[in-house]
Amino acid sequence: MCLGVPGRVTETYTEHDVLMGRVDFGGVAKRVCLEHVPDVQIGEYVIVHVGFALSKIDEHEAQQVFAFLEAMDDLEELRREEASSAASVSDL
């Protein structure tokens, strides 16, 4: 089973002719491909799976999923990944 995680789009930009963005997952920001949701606007929520936004969702639904993941403590995995990424970048 695959899990898509909701996130809020905080920035959009084009990289090598591909629509990309910065997406916030409850305090953890990641770079995400937005090509499958070309009409997404800053502030909207998307479902992301392995770095690709697959669809837009409304804020209420996103908050419900965040609450569920927080209750399961699954957001901690995203936070660990972010800390690990930051450490490896600072080593460069």
Protein backbone atom coordinates (compact mmCIF):
# COMPACT_ATOMS: atom_id res chain seq x y z
CA MET A 1 0.00 0.00 0.00
CA CYS A 2 1.28 3.47 -0.85
CA LEU A 3 0.77 6.46 1.40
CA GLY A 4 0.37 9.99 0.14
CA VAL A 5 0.99 12.72 2.68
CA PRO A 6 -0.72 16.13 2.53
CA GLY A 7 1.36 19.26 2.41
CA ARG A 8 0.83 22.99 1.90
CA VAL A 9 2.50 24.58 -1.11
CA THR A 10 4.66 27.49 0.04
CA GLU A 11 6.58 28.23 -3.17
CA THR A 12 6.42 27.34 -6.87
CA TYR A 13 9.16 27.58 -9.47
CA THR A 14 10.32 26.00 -12.71
CA GLU A 15 13.44 23.89 -12.82
CA HIS A 16 14.60 22.45 -16.17
CA ASP A 17 11.11 23.16 -17.61
CA VAL A 18 9.47 21.17 -14.78
CA LEU A 19 7.02 22.78 -12.33
CA MET A 20 8.45 22.35 -8.85
CA GLY A 21 7.61 23.68 -5.43
CA ARG A 22 8.41 23.81 -1.77
CA VAL A 23 5.78 21.98 0.27
CA ASP A 24 5.37 22.17 4.05
CA PHE A 25 4.39 18.98 5.86
CA GLY A 26 3.46 20.28 9.30
CA GLY A 27 6.76 22.07 9.86
CA VAL A 28 8.96 20.00 7.55
CA ALA A 29 9.56 21.51 4.10
CA LYS A 30 10.46 19.39 1.07
CA ARG A 31 11.09 20.01 -2.63
CA VAL A 32 8.24 18.46 -4.66
CA CYS A 33 7.41 18.01 -8.34
CA LEU A 34 4.10 19.77 -9.10
CA GLU A 35 3.72 18.74 -12.76
CA HIS A 36 0.61 16.61 -12.01
CA VAL A 37 -1.15 19.62 -10.43
CA PRO A 38 -0.16 22.49 -12.76
CA ASP A 39 -2.95 24.78 -11.52
CA VAL A 40 -1.92 24.59 -7.85
CA GLN A 41 -1.51 27.92 -6.07
CA ILE A 42 0.64 28.92 -3.11
CA GLY A 43 -1.30 28.14 0.06
CA GLU A 44 -3.19 25.18 -1.39
CA TYR A 45 -2.74 21.61 -0.18
CA VAL A 46 -1.57 18.64 -2.23
CA ILE A 47 -1.17 14.91 -1.64
CA VAL A 48 2.49 13.96 -2.14
CA HIS A 49 3.93 10.50 -2.76
CA VAL A 50 7.69 9.95 -3.26
CA GLY A 51 8.30 13.60 -4.13
CA PHE A 52 5.41 14.03 -6.59
CA ALA A 53 2.21 15.96 -5.86
CA LEU A 54 -0.56 13.74 -7.20
CA SER A 55 -3.68 15.79 -6.47
CA LYS A 56 -5.00 18.83 -4.63
CA ILE A 57 -7.07 18.50 -1.47
CA ASP A 58 -8.86 21.02 0.72
CA GLU A 59 -7.37 22.34 3.95
CA HIS A 60 -9.89 20.56 6.19
CA GLU A 61 -9.02 17.16 4.75
CA ALA A 62 -5.29 17.91 5.03
CA GLN A 63 -5.67 18.87 8.70
CA GLN A 64 -7.53 15.63 9.41
CA VAL A 65 -4.69 13.60 7.91
CA PHE A 66 -2.08 15.64 9.85
CA ALA A 67 -3.97 14.93 13.09
CA PHE A 68 -4.11 11.22 12.28
CA LEU A 69 -0.37 11.06 11.44
CA GLU A 70 0.50 13.05 14.56
CA ALA A 71 -1.51 10.61 16.67
CA MET A 72 0.41 7.75 15.09
CA ASP A 73 3.72 9.69 15.54
CA ASP A 74 4.47 9.23 11.82
CA LEU A 75 5.41 12.89 11.34
CA GLU A 76 8.54 12.17 13.37
CA GLU A 77 9.93 10.18 10.41
CA LEU A 78 9.65 13.27 8.18
CA ARG A 79 11.39 15.37 10.81
CA ARG A 80 14.27 12.88 11.08
CA GLU A 81 14.67 12.88 7.29
CA GLU A 82 14.78 16.70 7.26
CA ALA A 83 17.43 16.78 10.00
CA SER A 84 19.48 14.17 8.18
CA SER A 85 19.26 16.11 4.90
CA ALA A 86 20.26 19.36 6.60
CA ALA A 87 23.27 17.69 8.23
CA SER A 88 24.50 16.21 4.95
CA VAL A 89 24.14 19.56 3.15
CA SER A 90 26.09 21.38 5.86
CA ASP A 91 28.90 18.83 5.47
CA LEU A 92 29.49 19.99 1.88
